[in-house]
């Protein structure tokens, strides 16, 4: 519970009284490696907080290719925000890459907390802004950076991913084929 409180307070200051609104609605689940927390076609009915472990968010394109769109390490919030907000089916999968511990908060409970507390309502807005920035950063990386620059950007921003994620998953996230990523790495090592 301490990790989620610290994460919340890192986003916005919050009193113990406001934080106590979370305790009765927070559930803990254990998710085994290679298990999906959310699959395409399901509605995202929870906000998740990764207390321990590692997840990836991906989709399958029209040609059947698996495209990684996000990686999440503990401690961090994660959600398919579009599905959660609209309560419409998701287009994504959330898969545990390690055995993980996840805190969950139901959609209705999130809405009730927002209604009870202006501080929680502010937290929700700030989280929405954070998710927007993450999505926009990825879009702009794919649109405006060369494959080499994407690789360097990811290496600078999240160097730990290179030890946690296979070359196949990294290539997918960077928008290149695994063999192209291999050539790119060799080129960069020679520099």
N, C-alpha and C. Protein backbone atom coordinates (compact mmCIF):
# COMPACT_ATOMS: atom_id res chain seq x y z
N UNK A 1 0.81 -1.20 0.00
CA UNK A 1 0.00 0.00 0.00
C UNK A 1 0.86 1.27 0.00
N UNK A 2 2.05 1.17 0.60
CA UNK A 2 2.92 2.34 0.65
C UNK A 2 3.34 2.80 -0.74
N UNK A 3 3.57 1.84 -1.65
CA UNK A 3 4.04 2.21 -2.99
C UNK A 3 2.98 2.98 -3.76
N UNK A 4 1.70 2.61 -3.63
CA UNK A 4 0.67 3.33 -4.36
C UNK A 4 0.44 4.70 -3.75
N UNK A 5 0.53 4.80 -2.43
CA UNK A 5 0.39 6.11 -1.78
C UNK A 5 1.51 7.05 -2.22
N UNK A 6 2.73 6.53 -2.27
CA UNK A 6 3.87 7.35 -2.72
C UNK A 6 3.68 7.78 -4.17
N UNK A 7 3.20 6.87 -5.02
CA UNK A 7 2.97 7.22 -6.43
C UNK A 7 1.90 8.30 -6.56
N UNK A 8 0.84 8.18 -5.78
CA UNK A 8 -0.23 9.18 -5.82
C UNK A 8 0.30 10.53 -5.37
N UNK A 9 1.02 10.52 -4.26
CA UNK A 9 1.53 11.79 -3.71
C UNK A 9 2.61 12.40 -4.60
N UNK A 10 3.25 11.60 -5.45
CA UNK A 10 4.23 12.16 -6.39
C UNK A 10 3.52 12.92 -7.52
N UNK A 11 2.25 12.63 -7.71
CA UNK A 11 1.47 13.30 -8.76
C UNK A 11 0.79 14.54 -8.22
N UNK A 12 0.22 14.43 -7.01
CA UNK A 12 -0.42 15.58 -6.37
C UNK A 12 -0.42 15.37 -4.86
N UNK A 13 -0.20 16.44 -4.09
CA UNK A 13 -0.26 16.29 -2.63
C UNK A 13 -1.65 15.80 -2.22
N UNK A 14 -1.69 14.90 -1.23
CA UNK A 14 -2.97 14.34 -0.81
C UNK A 14 -2.91 14.02 0.68
N UNK A 15 -3.94 14.41 1.39
CA UNK A 15 -4.01 14.16 2.83
C UNK A 15 -4.29 12.68 3.10
N UNK A 16 -4.02 12.27 4.33
CA UNK A 16 -4.33 10.90 4.73
C UNK A 16 -5.84 10.65 4.62
N UNK A 17 -6.64 11.67 4.93
CA UNK A 17 -8.10 11.51 4.85
C UNK A 17 -8.54 11.23 3.41
N UNK A 18 -7.97 11.97 2.46
CA UNK A 18 -8.30 11.72 1.05
C UNK A 18 -7.78 10.35 0.60
N UNK A 19 -6.59 10.00 1.02
CA UNK A 19 -6.03 8.69 0.66
C UNK A 19 -6.87 7.55 1.23
N UNK A 20 -7.48 7.77 2.38
CA UNK A 20 -8.27 6.71 3.01
C UNK A 20 -9.49 6.33 2.16
N UNK A 21 -9.91 7.19 1.24
CA UNK A 21 -11.02 6.86 0.34
C UNK A 21 -10.67 5.69 -0.58
N UNK A 22 -9.39 5.51 -0.82
CA UNK A 22 -8.92 4.47 -1.73
C UNK A 22 -8.94 3.08 -1.09
N UNK A 23 -8.60 3.01 0.18
CA UNK A 23 -8.40 1.71 0.84
C UNK A 23 -9.57 0.74 0.71
N UNK A 24 -10.83 1.15 0.92
CA UNK A 24 -11.90 0.16 0.84
C UNK A 24 -12.20 -0.35 -0.58
N UNK A 25 -11.70 0.35 -1.60
CA UNK A 25 -12.02 -0.05 -2.98
C UNK A 25 -10.82 -0.64 -3.72
N UNK A 26 -9.70 -0.73 -3.04
CA UNK A 26 -8.47 -1.24 -3.65
C UNK A 26 -8.39 -2.75 -3.45
N UNK A 27 -8.22 -3.48 -4.55
CA UNK A 27 -8.06 -4.94 -4.48
C UNK A 27 -6.67 -5.30 -4.98
N UNK A 28 -6.16 -6.42 -4.50
CA UNK A 28 -4.84 -6.90 -4.91
C UNK A 28 -5.00 -8.24 -5.62
N UNK A 29 -4.34 -8.36 -6.78
CA UNK A 29 -4.35 -9.64 -7.50
C UNK A 29 -2.91 -10.02 -7.85
N UNK A 30 -2.69 -11.32 -7.95
CA UNK A 30 -1.40 -11.86 -8.40
C UNK A 30 -1.60 -12.29 -9.86
N UNK A 31 -0.69 -11.87 -10.72
CA UNK A 31 -0.80 -12.19 -12.15
C UNK A 31 0.45 -12.95 -12.56
N UNK A 32 0.26 -14.15 -13.06
CA UNK A 32 1.38 -14.99 -13.47
C UNK A 32 1.96 -14.50 -14.81
N UNK A 33 3.24 -14.74 -14.99
CA UNK A 33 3.92 -14.42 -16.24
C UNK A 33 3.14 -15.03 -17.42
N UNK A 34 3.06 -14.26 -18.51
CA UNK A 34 2.38 -14.63 -19.76
C UNK A 34 0.85 -14.66 -19.64
N UNK A 35 0.32 -14.11 -18.55
CA UNK A 35 -1.13 -14.02 -18.37
C UNK A 35 -1.60 -12.64 -18.81
N UNK A 36 -2.75 -12.61 -19.47
CA UNK A 36 -3.32 -11.34 -19.90
C UNK A 36 -4.25 -10.78 -18.83
N UNK A 37 -4.04 -9.53 -18.49
CA UNK A 37 -4.90 -8.82 -17.57
C UNK A 37 -6.08 -8.22 -18.34
N UNK A 38 -5.83 -7.90 -19.60
CA UNK A 38 -6.85 -7.36 -20.49
C UNK A 38 -6.56 -7.90 -21.88
N UNK A 39 -7.63 -8.23 -22.62
CA UNK A 39 -7.47 -8.70 -23.99
C UNK A 39 -8.33 -7.86 -24.92
N UNK A 40 -7.93 -7.85 -26.20
CA UNK A 40 -8.71 -7.16 -27.22
C UNK A 40 -10.16 -7.64 -27.14
N UNK A 41 -11.09 -6.69 -27.22
CA UNK A 41 -12.51 -7.03 -27.18
C UNK A 41 -13.12 -6.95 -25.79
N UNK A 42 -12.28 -6.94 -24.75
CA UNK A 42 -12.79 -6.77 -23.39
C UNK A 42 -12.83 -5.29 -23.05
N UNK A 43 -13.74 -4.92 -22.16
CA UNK A 43 -13.79 -3.55 -21.68
C UNK A 43 -12.85 -3.42 -20.49
N UNK A 44 -12.04 -2.37 -20.49
CA UNK A 44 -11.14 -2.11 -19.37
C UNK A 44 -11.97 -1.51 -18.24
N UNK A 45 -12.26 -2.30 -17.22
CA UNK A 45 -13.14 -1.89 -16.13
C UNK A 45 -12.38 -1.51 -14.86
N UNK A 46 -11.05 -1.41 -14.96
CA UNK A 46 -10.23 -1.08 -13.80
C UNK A 46 -9.08 -0.16 -14.17
N UNK A 47 -8.66 0.62 -13.20
CA UNK A 47 -7.35 1.26 -13.25
C UNK A 47 -6.44 0.29 -12.51
N UNK A 48 -5.25 0.09 -13.03
CA UNK A 48 -4.30 -0.85 -12.43
C UNK A 48 -3.10 -0.09 -11.88
N UNK A 49 -2.56 -0.62 -10.80
CA UNK A 49 -1.30 -0.11 -10.28
C UNK A 49 -0.37 -1.31 -10.12
N UNK A 50 0.74 -1.27 -10.83
CA UNK A 50 1.70 -2.37 -10.79
C UNK A 50 2.59 -2.18 -9.56
N UNK A 51 2.38 -3.04 -8.58
CA UNK A 51 3.16 -2.97 -7.35
C UNK A 51 4.47 -3.74 -7.48
N UNK A 52 4.43 -4.88 -8.17
CA UNK A 52 5.62 -5.68 -8.44
C UNK A 52 5.46 -6.31 -9.81
N UNK A 53 6.54 -6.35 -10.59
CA UNK A 53 6.49 -7.03 -11.86
C UNK A 53 6.73 -6.12 -13.06
N UNK A 54 6.27 -6.62 -14.21
CA UNK A 54 6.53 -5.94 -15.49
C UNK A 54 5.44 -6.37 -16.48
N UNK A 55 4.88 -5.42 -17.23
CA UNK A 55 3.82 -5.67 -18.21
C UNK A 55 4.17 -5.04 -19.54
N UNK A 56 3.53 -5.57 -20.57
CA UNK A 56 3.58 -4.91 -21.88
C UNK A 56 2.16 -4.75 -22.39
N UNK A 57 1.96 -3.66 -23.13
CA UNK A 57 0.69 -3.41 -23.82
C UNK A 57 0.98 -3.59 -25.30
N UNK A 58 0.14 -4.38 -25.98
CA UNK A 58 0.36 -4.60 -27.40
C UNK A 58 -0.97 -4.77 -28.12
N UNK A 59 -0.89 -4.72 -29.44
CA UNK A 59 -2.05 -5.02 -30.28
C UNK A 59 -1.59 -5.89 -31.44
N UNK A 60 -2.54 -6.48 -32.14
CA UNK A 60 -2.24 -7.29 -33.31
C UNK A 60 -2.79 -6.54 -34.51
N UNK A 61 -1.91 -6.21 -35.47
CA UNK A 61 -2.35 -5.43 -36.63
C UNK A 61 -3.11 -6.31 -37.63
N UNK A 62 -3.56 -5.70 -38.72
CA UNK A 62 -4.38 -6.41 -39.71
C UNK A 62 -3.65 -7.57 -40.38
N UNK A 63 -2.31 -7.50 -40.41
CA UNK A 63 -1.52 -8.59 -41.01
C UNK A 63 -1.14 -9.66 -39.99
N UNK A 64 -1.58 -9.50 -38.74
CA UNK A 64 -1.28 -10.48 -37.71
C UNK A 64 0.02 -10.23 -36.96
N UNK A 65 0.63 -9.07 -37.18
CA UNK A 65 1.87 -8.73 -36.48
C UNK A 65 1.57 -8.21 -35.08
N UNK A 66 2.36 -8.64 -34.11
CA UNK A 66 2.23 -8.16 -32.74
C UNK A 66 3.04 -6.87 -32.62
N UNK A 67 2.36 -5.80 -32.21
CA UNK A 67 2.98 -4.48 -32.10
C UNK A 67 2.94 -4.04 -30.64
N UNK A 68 4.11 -3.91 -30.02
CA UNK A 68 4.19 -3.44 -28.65
C UNK A 68 4.02 -1.93 -28.62
N UNK A 69 3.17 -1.45 -27.73
CA UNK A 69 2.96 -0.01 -27.67
C UNK A 69 3.36 0.60 -26.34
N UNK A 70 3.58 -0.23 -25.33
CA UNK A 70 4.00 0.32 -24.03
C UNK A 70 4.55 -0.80 -23.15
N UNK A 71 5.49 -0.43 -22.30
CA UNK A 71 6.01 -1.31 -21.27
C UNK A 71 5.82 -0.62 -19.93
N UNK A 72 5.49 -1.38 -18.90
CA UNK A 72 5.24 -0.80 -17.58
C UNK A 72 6.01 -1.58 -16.53
N UNK A 73 6.80 -0.85 -15.74
CA UNK A 73 7.54 -1.44 -14.62
C UNK A 73 6.94 -0.92 -13.32
N UNK A 74 7.09 -1.70 -12.27
CA UNK A 74 6.62 -1.28 -10.95
C UNK A 74 7.56 -0.20 -10.40
N UNK A 75 7.03 0.68 -9.60
CA UNK A 75 5.63 0.92 -9.26
C UNK A 75 5.04 1.97 -10.21
N UNK A 76 3.92 1.65 -10.82
CA UNK A 76 3.35 2.57 -11.81
C UNK A 76 1.88 2.23 -12.08
N UNK A 77 1.09 3.27 -12.35
CA UNK A 77 -0.28 3.09 -12.79
C UNK A 77 -0.29 2.70 -14.26
N UNK A 78 -1.29 1.92 -14.67
CA UNK A 78 -1.49 1.65 -16.09
C UNK A 78 -2.95 1.32 -16.33
N UNK A 79 -3.38 1.57 -17.57
CA UNK A 79 -4.79 1.39 -17.94
C UNK A 79 -4.88 1.54 -19.45
N UNK A 80 -5.87 0.90 -20.06
CA UNK A 80 -6.22 1.24 -21.44
C UNK A 80 -7.19 2.40 -21.28
N UNK A 81 -6.66 3.60 -21.34
CA UNK A 81 -7.42 4.79 -20.97
C UNK A 81 -8.64 4.99 -21.85
N UNK A 82 -8.52 4.76 -23.14
CA UNK A 82 -9.66 4.96 -24.03
C UNK A 82 -10.81 4.00 -23.68
N UNK A 83 -10.49 2.74 -23.51
CA UNK A 83 -11.50 1.75 -23.15
C UNK A 83 -12.09 2.06 -21.77
N UNK A 84 -11.22 2.44 -20.83
CA UNK A 84 -11.68 2.74 -19.48
C UNK A 84 -12.64 3.93 -19.47
N UNK A 85 -12.28 5.01 -20.15
CA UNK A 85 -13.12 6.22 -20.15
C UNK A 85 -14.44 6.00 -20.86
N UNK A 86 -14.39 5.30 -21.99
CA UNK A 86 -15.61 5.12 -22.80
C UNK A 86 -16.41 3.89 -22.39
N UNK A 87 -15.77 2.99 -21.63
CA UNK A 87 -16.35 1.69 -21.27
C UNK A 87 -16.77 0.93 -22.53
N UNK A 88 -15.90 1.03 -23.54
CA UNK A 88 -16.04 0.32 -24.80
C UNK A 88 -14.93 -0.72 -24.91
N UNK A 89 -15.10 -1.73 -25.78
CA UNK A 89 -14.07 -2.78 -25.90
C UNK A 89 -12.70 -2.22 -26.27
N UNK A 90 -11.70 -2.84 -25.69
CA UNK A 90 -10.31 -2.46 -25.93
C UNK A 90 -9.82 -3.04 -27.24
N UNK A 91 -8.81 -2.42 -27.79
CA UNK A 91 -8.12 -2.95 -28.96
C UNK A 91 -6.77 -3.54 -28.57
N UNK A 92 -6.47 -3.51 -27.27
CA UNK A 92 -5.15 -3.88 -26.78
C UNK A 92 -5.18 -5.09 -25.86
N UNK A 93 -3.99 -5.62 -25.64
CA UNK A 93 -3.74 -6.66 -24.66
C UNK A 93 -2.75 -6.10 -23.63
N UNK A 94 -2.96 -6.42 -22.36
CA UNK A 94 -1.97 -6.16 -21.31
C UNK A 94 -1.49 -7.52 -20.84
N UNK A 95 -0.20 -7.83 -21.05
CA UNK A 95 0.36 -9.12 -20.69
C UNK A 95 1.46 -8.98 -19.65
N UNK A 96 1.41 -9.83 -18.62
CA UNK A 96 2.47 -9.87 -17.61
C UNK A 96 3.71 -10.50 -18.23
N UNK A 97 4.82 -9.81 -18.15
CA UNK A 97 6.10 -10.33 -18.64
C UNK A 97 6.88 -11.00 -17.52
N UNK A 98 6.41 -10.81 -16.28
CA UNK A 98 6.96 -11.44 -15.09
C UNK A 98 5.78 -11.73 -14.17
N UNK A 99 5.96 -12.63 -13.21
CA UNK A 99 4.95 -12.76 -12.16
C UNK A 99 4.81 -11.40 -11.51
N UNK A 100 3.57 -10.95 -11.32
CA UNK A 100 3.33 -9.57 -10.91
C UNK A 100 2.27 -9.48 -9.83
N UNK A 101 2.34 -8.39 -9.08
CA UNK A 101 1.31 -8.04 -8.12
C UNK A 101 0.69 -6.73 -8.57
N UNK A 102 -0.64 -6.73 -8.70
CA UNK A 102 -1.35 -5.58 -9.26
C UNK A 102 -2.46 -5.17 -8.31
N UNK A 103 -2.55 -3.87 -8.04
CA UNK A 103 -3.70 -3.31 -7.33
C UNK A 103 -4.71 -2.89 -8.38
N UNK A 104 -5.99 -3.14 -8.13
CA UNK A 104 -7.03 -2.77 -9.08
C UNK A 104 -8.07 -1.88 -8.39
N UNK A 105 -8.61 -0.96 -9.18
CA UNK A 105 -9.68 -0.08 -8.71
C UNK A 105 -10.74 -0.06 -9.80
N UNK A 106 -11.97 -0.44 -9.47
CA UNK A 106 -13.05 -0.52 -10.45
C UNK A 106 -13.46 0.87 -10.96
N UNK A 107 -13.95 0.88 -12.18
CA UNK A 107 -14.41 2.12 -12.82
C UNK A 107 -15.39 2.87 -11.94
N UNK A 108 -16.43 2.19 -11.44
CA UNK A 108 -17.45 2.85 -10.63
C UNK A 108 -16.86 3.43 -9.35
N UNK A 109 -15.89 2.74 -8.76
CA UNK A 109 -15.25 3.24 -7.54
C UNK A 109 -14.40 4.47 -7.84
N UNK A 110 -13.72 4.48 -8.98
CA UNK A 110 -12.94 5.66 -9.38
C UNK A 110 -13.88 6.86 -9.52
N UNK A 111 -15.00 6.66 -10.19
CA UNK A 111 -15.95 7.76 -10.38
C UNK A 111 -16.50 8.25 -9.05
N UNK A 112 -16.79 7.33 -8.12
CA UNK A 112 -17.33 7.71 -6.81
C UNK A 112 -16.30 8.51 -6.00
N UNK A 113 -15.04 8.11 -6.07
CA UNK A 113 -13.98 8.84 -5.36
C UNK A 113 -13.83 10.24 -5.94
N UNK A 114 -13.87 10.35 -7.27
CA UNK A 114 -13.80 11.68 -7.91
C UNK A 114 -14.92 12.57 -7.41
N UNK A 115 -16.11 12.02 -7.27
CA UNK A 115 -17.27 12.79 -6.83
C UNK A 115 -17.14 13.24 -5.37
N UNK A 116 -16.44 12.46 -4.56
CA UNK A 116 -16.32 12.76 -3.13
C UNK A 116 -15.21 13.76 -2.81
N UNK A 117 -14.22 13.86 -3.68
CA UNK A 117 -13.02 14.62 -3.33
C UNK A 117 -12.46 15.40 -4.51
N UNK A 118 -12.34 16.71 -4.32
CA UNK A 118 -11.75 17.56 -5.36
C UNK A 118 -10.29 17.19 -5.60
N UNK A 119 -9.60 16.74 -4.56
CA UNK A 119 -8.19 16.35 -4.71
C UNK A 119 -8.09 15.12 -5.61
N UNK A 120 -8.99 14.16 -5.42
CA UNK A 120 -8.99 12.98 -6.29
C UNK A 120 -9.38 13.36 -7.72
N UNK A 121 -10.31 14.28 -7.87
CA UNK A 121 -10.70 14.73 -9.20
C UNK A 121 -9.48 15.36 -9.90
N UNK A 122 -8.72 16.15 -9.16
CA UNK A 122 -7.49 16.75 -9.71
C UNK A 122 -6.49 15.65 -10.08
N UNK A 123 -6.35 14.65 -9.21
CA UNK A 123 -5.46 13.53 -9.49
C UNK A 123 -5.85 12.87 -10.82
N UNK A 124 -7.15 12.65 -11.02
CA UNK A 124 -7.63 12.03 -12.26
C UNK A 124 -7.26 12.86 -13.48
N UNK A 125 -7.41 14.17 -13.37
CA UNK A 125 -7.05 15.05 -14.49
C UNK A 125 -5.56 14.99 -14.77
N UNK A 126 -4.76 15.02 -13.72
CA UNK A 126 -3.31 14.95 -13.90
C UNK A 126 -2.87 13.61 -14.49
N UNK A 127 -3.55 12.53 -14.08
CA UNK A 127 -3.25 11.22 -14.67
C UNK A 127 -3.61 11.21 -16.16
N UNK A 128 -4.74 11.80 -16.50
CA UNK A 128 -5.15 11.87 -17.91
C UNK A 128 -4.11 12.64 -18.73
N UNK A 129 -3.60 13.72 -18.17
CA UNK A 129 -2.56 14.48 -18.86
C UNK A 129 -1.29 13.64 -19.02
N UNK A 130 -0.95 12.89 -18.00
CA UNK A 130 0.23 12.02 -18.05
C UNK A 130 0.09 10.96 -19.15
N UNK A 131 -1.08 10.33 -19.20
CA UNK A 131 -1.33 9.31 -20.23
C UNK A 131 -1.27 9.95 -21.62
N UNK A 132 -1.87 11.12 -21.77
CA UNK A 132 -1.81 11.82 -23.06
C UNK A 132 -0.36 12.06 -23.48
N UNK A 133 0.47 12.52 -22.55
CA UNK A 133 1.88 12.78 -22.88
C UNK A 133 2.59 11.50 -23.30
N UNK A 134 2.32 10.39 -22.62
CA UNK A 134 2.95 9.12 -22.98
C UNK A 134 2.55 8.69 -24.39
N UNK A 135 1.26 8.77 -24.68
CA UNK A 135 0.77 8.36 -26.00
C UNK A 135 1.35 9.28 -27.07
N UNK A 136 1.34 10.57 -26.82
CA UNK A 136 1.84 11.54 -27.79
C UNK A 136 3.35 11.36 -28.01
N UNK A 137 4.09 11.07 -26.95
CA UNK A 137 5.53 10.84 -27.08
C UNK A 137 5.81 9.67 -28.02
N UNK A 138 5.05 8.60 -27.84
CA UNK A 138 5.25 7.41 -28.70
C UNK A 138 4.88 7.73 -30.15
N UNK A 139 3.76 8.41 -30.36
CA UNK A 139 3.34 8.77 -31.72
C UNK A 139 4.40 9.63 -32.39
N UNK A 140 4.88 10.64 -31.68
CA UNK A 140 5.88 11.54 -32.27
C UNK A 140 7.21 10.82 -32.50
N UNK A 141 7.55 9.88 -31.62
CA UNK A 141 8.77 9.10 -31.83
C UNK A 141 8.67 8.35 -33.16
N UNK A 142 7.53 7.70 -33.40
CA UNK A 142 7.37 6.92 -34.62
C UNK A 142 7.26 7.80 -35.86
N UNK A 143 6.65 8.97 -35.72
CA UNK A 143 6.44 9.85 -36.87
C UNK A 143 7.67 10.67 -37.25
N UNK A 144 8.41 11.15 -36.24
CA UNK A 144 9.42 12.17 -36.50
C UNK A 144 10.87 11.74 -36.30
N UNK A 145 11.09 10.54 -35.78
CA UNK A 145 12.46 10.11 -35.54
C UNK A 145 12.83 8.95 -36.47
N UNK A 146 14.07 8.94 -36.89
CA UNK A 146 14.57 7.81 -37.67
C UNK A 146 14.68 6.60 -36.75
N UNK A 147 14.76 5.39 -37.30
CA UNK A 147 14.93 4.22 -36.44
C UNK A 147 16.12 4.34 -35.48
N UNK A 148 17.23 4.89 -35.98
CA UNK A 148 18.40 5.07 -35.12
C UNK A 148 18.12 6.04 -33.99
N UNK A 149 17.43 7.14 -34.31
CA UNK A 149 17.09 8.12 -33.28
C UNK A 149 16.08 7.55 -32.28
N UNK A 150 15.15 6.71 -32.74
CA UNK A 150 14.20 6.05 -31.83
C UNK A 150 14.95 5.16 -30.84
N UNK A 151 15.91 4.42 -31.39
CA UNK A 151 16.71 3.53 -30.55
C UNK A 151 17.46 4.34 -29.48
N UNK A 152 18.11 5.43 -29.91
CA UNK A 152 18.85 6.28 -28.98
C UNK A 152 17.92 6.92 -27.94
N UNK A 153 16.75 7.36 -28.38
CA UNK A 153 15.76 7.96 -27.48
C UNK A 153 15.37 6.95 -26.40
N UNK A 154 15.05 5.73 -26.81
CA UNK A 154 14.65 4.70 -25.85
C UNK A 154 15.81 4.32 -24.94
N UNK A 155 17.00 4.24 -25.48
CA UNK A 155 18.18 3.91 -24.69
C UNK A 155 18.42 4.97 -23.62
N UNK A 156 18.23 6.24 -23.97
CA UNK A 156 18.42 7.33 -23.01
C UNK A 156 17.29 7.38 -21.98
N UNK A 157 16.07 7.13 -22.43
CA UNK A 157 14.91 7.27 -21.54
C UNK A 157 14.70 6.05 -20.65
N UNK A 158 14.87 4.86 -21.19
CA UNK A 158 14.58 3.62 -20.45
C UNK A 158 15.64 2.55 -20.72
N UNK A 159 16.88 2.78 -20.29
CA UNK A 159 17.94 1.82 -20.60
C UNK A 159 17.69 0.43 -20.03
N UNK A 160 16.95 0.34 -18.93
CA UNK A 160 16.67 -0.95 -18.30
C UNK A 160 15.86 -1.87 -19.21
N UNK A 161 15.08 -1.30 -20.14
CA UNK A 161 14.29 -2.12 -21.06
C UNK A 161 15.17 -3.06 -21.89
N UNK A 162 16.37 -2.62 -22.19
CA UNK A 162 17.25 -3.41 -23.04
C UNK A 162 17.70 -4.70 -22.36
N UNK A 163 17.56 -4.75 -21.03
CA UNK A 163 17.88 -5.97 -20.29
C UNK A 163 16.64 -6.78 -19.95
N UNK A 164 15.46 -6.16 -20.03
CA UNK A 164 14.22 -6.82 -19.62
C UNK A 164 13.41 -7.37 -20.77
N UNK A 165 13.62 -6.85 -21.96
CA UNK A 165 12.75 -7.14 -23.10
C UNK A 165 13.57 -7.77 -24.21
N UNK A 166 12.99 -8.76 -24.87
CA UNK A 166 13.69 -9.42 -25.98
C UNK A 166 13.87 -8.45 -27.15
N UNK A 167 14.81 -8.79 -28.02
CA UNK A 167 15.04 -7.98 -29.21
C UNK A 167 13.77 -7.92 -30.06
N UNK A 168 13.03 -9.01 -30.13
CA UNK A 168 11.78 -9.05 -30.87
C UNK A 168 10.80 -7.99 -30.35
N UNK A 169 10.63 -7.93 -29.03
CA UNK A 169 9.70 -6.95 -28.43
C UNK A 169 10.21 -5.52 -28.59
N UNK A 170 11.52 -5.33 -28.44
CA UNK A 170 12.08 -3.99 -28.64
C UNK A 170 11.89 -3.52 -30.08
N UNK A 171 12.15 -4.40 -31.02
CA UNK A 171 12.00 -4.05 -32.44
C UNK A 171 10.55 -3.64 -32.72
N UNK A 172 9.62 -4.41 -32.21
CA UNK A 172 8.20 -4.11 -32.40
C UNK A 172 7.86 -2.73 -31.84
N UNK A 173 8.35 -2.45 -30.65
CA UNK A 173 8.08 -1.15 -30.01
C UNK A 173 8.68 0.00 -30.82
N UNK A 174 9.87 -0.23 -31.36
CA UNK A 174 10.56 0.81 -32.13
C UNK A 174 10.06 0.94 -33.56
N UNK A 175 9.20 0.02 -33.99
CA UNK A 175 8.63 0.10 -35.32
C UNK A 175 9.58 -0.40 -36.41
N UNK A 176 10.45 -1.36 -36.06
CA UNK A 176 11.38 -1.93 -37.04
C UNK A 176 11.32 -3.45 -36.94
N UNK A 177 11.85 -4.12 -37.94
CA UNK A 177 11.93 -5.58 -37.94
C UNK A 177 13.10 -6.00 -37.03
N UNK A 178 13.03 -7.18 -36.42
CA UNK A 178 14.13 -7.62 -35.55
C UNK A 178 15.50 -7.63 -36.23
N UNK A 179 15.53 -8.03 -37.50
CA UNK A 179 16.81 -8.04 -38.22
C UNK A 179 17.33 -6.63 -38.45
N UNK A 180 16.42 -5.67 -38.64
CA UNK A 180 16.84 -4.27 -38.80
C UNK A 180 17.40 -3.73 -37.49
N UNK A 181 16.79 -4.13 -36.38
CA UNK A 181 17.29 -3.71 -35.07
C UNK A 181 18.68 -4.28 -34.84
N UNK A 182 18.91 -5.50 -35.24
CA UNK A 182 20.22 -6.13 -35.08
C UNK A 182 21.27 -5.35 -35.86
N UNK A 183 20.97 -4.99 -37.11
CA UNK A 183 21.91 -4.21 -37.93
C UNK A 183 22.13 -2.83 -37.32
N UNK A 184 21.08 -2.22 -36.83
CA UNK A 184 21.16 -0.90 -36.21
C UNK A 184 22.08 -0.94 -34.99
N UNK A 185 21.93 -1.96 -34.16
CA UNK A 185 22.78 -2.10 -32.97
C UNK A 185 24.25 -2.25 -33.37
N UNK A 186 24.51 -3.05 -34.39
CA UNK A 186 25.90 -3.23 -34.86
C UNK A 186 26.48 -1.92 -35.35
N UNK A 187 25.68 -1.17 -36.11
CA UNK A 187 26.15 0.13 -36.61
C UNK A 187 26.51 1.07 -35.45
N UNK A 188 25.66 1.11 -34.44
CA UNK A 188 25.88 2.00 -33.31
C UNK A 188 27.09 1.58 -32.48
N UNK A 189 27.32 0.28 -32.40
CA UNK A 189 28.50 -0.20 -31.64
C UNK A 189 29.80 0.18 -32.34
N UNK A 190 29.77 0.28 -33.65
CA UNK A 190 30.98 0.64 -34.41
C UNK A 190 31.32 2.12 -34.29
N UNK A 191 30.34 2.94 -33.91
CA UNK A 191 30.59 4.39 -33.82
C UNK A 191 31.45 4.75 -32.65
